[in-house]
Amino acid sequence: MKFSNELINNTIKAWQPYCDYPLTKDDAIEIIQDMRNFAIAMINLNQGDVNGKSSSFKRKTN
């Protein structure tokens, strides 16, 4: 998957304060991919689908 230079640069800018070393373009791409995968997992969990199976997780409702 290809990411724009703008997204890569913004990712470095956003995450650099949390790292002890200078982030590279490859680091930024890894962060973007990890955040994308996390978002997909959260969406699937919210929809009750974990690894293609229904989840036994039930949301607490008021």
N, C-alpha and C. Protein backbone atom coordinates (compact mmCIF):
# COMPACT_ATOMS: atom_id res chain seq x y z
N MET A 1 0.85 -1.16 0.00
CA MET A 1 0.00 0.00 0.00
C MET A 1 0.90 1.23 0.00
N LYS A 2 0.57 2.18 -0.83
CA LYS A 2 1.37 3.39 -0.94
C LYS A 2 0.69 4.53 -0.17
N PHE A 3 1.51 5.30 0.54
CA PHE A 3 1.00 6.42 1.32
C PHE A 3 1.62 7.70 0.79
N SER A 4 0.88 8.78 0.88
CA SER A 4 1.38 10.06 0.39
C SER A 4 2.51 10.58 1.28
N ASN A 5 3.37 11.39 0.69
CA ASN A 5 4.45 12.01 1.46
C ASN A 5 3.87 12.88 2.58
N GLU A 6 2.73 13.51 2.30
CA GLU A 6 2.09 14.35 3.31
C GLU A 6 1.68 13.52 4.53
N LEU A 7 1.07 12.36 4.31
CA LEU A 7 0.67 11.50 5.42
C LEU A 7 1.89 11.00 6.18
N ILE A 8 2.92 10.61 5.47
CA ILE A 8 4.14 10.13 6.12
C ILE A 8 4.77 11.24 6.96
N ASN A 9 4.89 12.43 6.39
CA ASN A 9 5.48 13.55 7.13
C ASN A 9 4.64 13.95 8.34
N ASN A 10 3.32 13.95 8.19
CA ASN A 10 2.44 14.28 9.32
C ASN A 10 2.52 13.22 10.41
N THR A 11 2.69 11.97 10.02
CA THR A 11 2.83 10.89 10.99
C THR A 11 4.11 11.06 11.79
N ILE A 12 5.20 11.36 11.11
CA ILE A 12 6.47 11.60 11.80
C ILE A 12 6.32 12.78 12.76
N LYS A 13 5.70 13.84 12.30
CA LYS A 13 5.52 15.04 13.13
C LYS A 13 4.67 14.72 14.38
N ALA A 14 3.63 13.93 14.21
CA ALA A 14 2.73 13.61 15.33
C ALA A 14 3.38 12.66 16.34
N TRP A 15 4.15 11.69 15.87
CA TRP A 15 4.68 10.65 16.75
C TRP A 15 6.08 10.92 17.25
N GLN A 16 6.81 11.83 16.62
CA GLN A 16 8.19 12.08 17.03
C GLN A 16 8.34 12.46 18.50
N PRO A 17 7.45 13.27 19.07
CA PRO A 17 7.61 13.61 20.49
C PRO A 17 7.57 12.40 21.43
N TYR A 18 7.07 11.27 20.98
CA TYR A 18 6.95 10.09 21.82
C TYR A 18 8.09 9.09 21.62
N CYS A 19 9.05 9.44 20.76
CA CYS A 19 10.15 8.52 20.46
C CYS A 19 11.48 9.13 20.87
N ASP A 20 12.37 8.27 21.33
CA ASP A 20 13.69 8.70 21.77
C ASP A 20 14.69 8.80 20.63
N TYR A 21 14.31 8.40 19.46
CA TYR A 21 15.20 8.40 18.30
C TYR A 21 14.47 9.04 17.11
N PRO A 22 15.20 9.54 16.14
CA PRO A 22 14.55 10.16 14.97
C PRO A 22 13.77 9.11 14.16
N LEU A 23 12.51 9.40 13.91
CA LEU A 23 11.69 8.48 13.12
C LEU A 23 12.06 8.60 11.64
N THR A 24 12.04 7.47 10.97
CA THR A 24 12.32 7.43 9.54
C THR A 24 11.01 7.27 8.76
N LYS A 25 11.13 7.35 7.45
CA LYS A 25 9.98 7.12 6.59
C LYS A 25 9.43 5.71 6.81
N ASP A 26 10.32 4.73 6.95
CA ASP A 26 9.89 3.35 7.20
C ASP A 26 9.16 3.22 8.54
N ASP A 27 9.63 3.94 9.56
CA ASP A 27 8.94 3.94 10.85
C ASP A 27 7.52 4.50 10.69
N ALA A 28 7.41 5.59 9.96
CA ALA A 28 6.11 6.22 9.76
C ALA A 28 5.16 5.28 9.03
N ILE A 29 5.66 4.59 8.02
CA ILE A 29 4.82 3.64 7.28
C ILE A 29 4.35 2.52 8.20
N GLU A 30 5.23 2.04 9.05
CA GLU A 30 4.84 0.99 10.01
C GLU A 30 3.77 1.51 10.98
N ILE A 31 3.92 2.73 11.45
CA ILE A 31 2.93 3.33 12.35
C ILE A 31 1.58 3.44 11.65
N ILE A 32 1.59 3.91 10.41
CA ILE A 32 0.35 4.07 9.64
C ILE A 32 -0.34 2.72 9.47
N GLN A 33 0.43 1.71 9.10
CA GLN A 33 -0.15 0.37 8.91
C GLN A 33 -0.69 -0.19 10.22
N ASP A 34 0.06 0.00 11.30
CA ASP A 34 -0.40 -0.50 12.61
C ASP A 34 -1.67 0.20 13.05
N MET A 35 -1.75 1.51 12.85
CA MET A 35 -2.95 2.26 13.24
C MET A 35 -4.14 1.86 12.37
N ARG A 36 -3.90 1.59 11.10
CA ARG A 36 -4.96 1.13 10.21
C ARG A 36 -5.48 -0.22 10.68
N ASN A 37 -4.57 -1.13 10.99
CA ASN A 37 -4.98 -2.46 11.45
C ASN A 37 -5.73 -2.38 12.78
N PHE A 38 -5.29 -1.49 13.67
CA PHE A 38 -5.98 -1.30 14.95
C PHE A 38 -7.39 -0.78 14.71
N ALA A 39 -7.54 0.20 13.82
CA ALA A 39 -8.86 0.76 13.53
C ALA A 39 -9.79 -0.31 12.95
N ILE A 40 -9.26 -1.13 12.04
CA ILE A 40 -10.07 -2.21 11.47
C ILE A 40 -10.50 -3.19 12.55
N ALA A 41 -9.59 -3.53 13.46
CA ALA A 41 -9.93 -4.45 14.55
C ALA A 41 -11.02 -3.86 15.43
N MET A 42 -10.93 -2.58 15.73
CA MET A 42 -11.95 -1.94 16.57
C MET A 42 -13.30 -1.89 15.86
N ILE A 43 -13.29 -1.63 14.57
CA ILE A 43 -14.54 -1.63 13.80
C ILE A 43 -15.16 -3.02 13.82
N ASN A 44 -14.33 -4.03 13.58
CA ASN A 44 -14.83 -5.41 13.58
C ASN A 44 -15.36 -5.80 14.95
N LEU A 45 -14.66 -5.40 16.00
CA LEU A 45 -15.12 -5.71 17.35
C LEU A 45 -16.45 -5.03 17.62
N ASN A 46 -16.57 -3.79 17.19
CA ASN A 46 -17.81 -3.04 17.38
C ASN A 46 -18.96 -3.70 16.64
N GLN A 47 -18.66 -4.32 15.52
CA GLN A 47 -19.70 -4.99 14.72
C GLN A 47 -19.89 -6.45 15.14
N GLY A 48 -19.14 -6.90 16.16
CA GLY A 48 -19.29 -8.25 16.65
C GLY A 48 -18.59 -9.28 15.80
N ASP A 49 -17.63 -8.85 14.97
CA ASP A 49 -16.93 -9.78 14.09
C ASP A 49 -15.45 -9.79 14.45
N VAL A 50 -14.97 -10.89 14.99
CA VAL A 50 -13.56 -11.03 15.32
C VAL A 50 -13.02 -12.22 14.56
N ASN A 51 -12.06 -11.98 13.69
CA ASN A 51 -11.48 -13.05 12.86
C ASN A 51 -12.54 -13.81 12.09
N GLY A 52 -13.50 -13.08 11.57
CA GLY A 52 -14.54 -13.70 10.75
C GLY A 52 -15.60 -14.46 11.54
N LYS A 53 -15.55 -14.38 12.86
CA LYS A 53 -16.51 -15.09 13.70
C LYS A 53 -17.24 -14.10 14.60
N SER A 54 -18.42 -14.44 14.97
CA SER A 54 -19.15 -13.60 15.90
C SER A 54 -18.44 -13.58 17.24
N SER A 55 -18.42 -12.44 17.85
CA SER A 55 -17.75 -12.29 19.14
C SER A 55 -18.74 -12.54 20.26
N SER A 56 -18.24 -13.09 21.36
CA SER A 56 -19.08 -13.26 22.54
C SER A 56 -19.08 -11.99 23.38
N PHE A 57 -18.28 -11.02 22.95
CA PHE A 57 -18.21 -9.74 23.65
C PHE A 57 -19.54 -9.02 23.50
N LYS A 58 -20.10 -8.61 24.61
CA LYS A 58 -21.37 -7.86 24.58
C LYS A 58 -21.13 -6.48 25.16
N ARG A 59 -21.60 -5.49 24.43
CA ARG A 59 -21.47 -4.12 24.91
C ARG A 59 -22.42 -3.88 26.06
N LYS A 60 -21.94 -3.16 27.02
CA LYS A 60 -22.80 -2.79 28.14
C LYS A 60 -23.70 -1.66 27.68
N THR A 61 -24.98 -1.84 27.88
CA THR A 61 -25.94 -0.79 27.52
C THR A 61 -26.59 -0.25 28.77
N ASN A 62 -26.93 0.99 28.70
CA ASN A 62 -27.55 1.63 29.87
C ASN A 62 -29.04 1.43 29.86
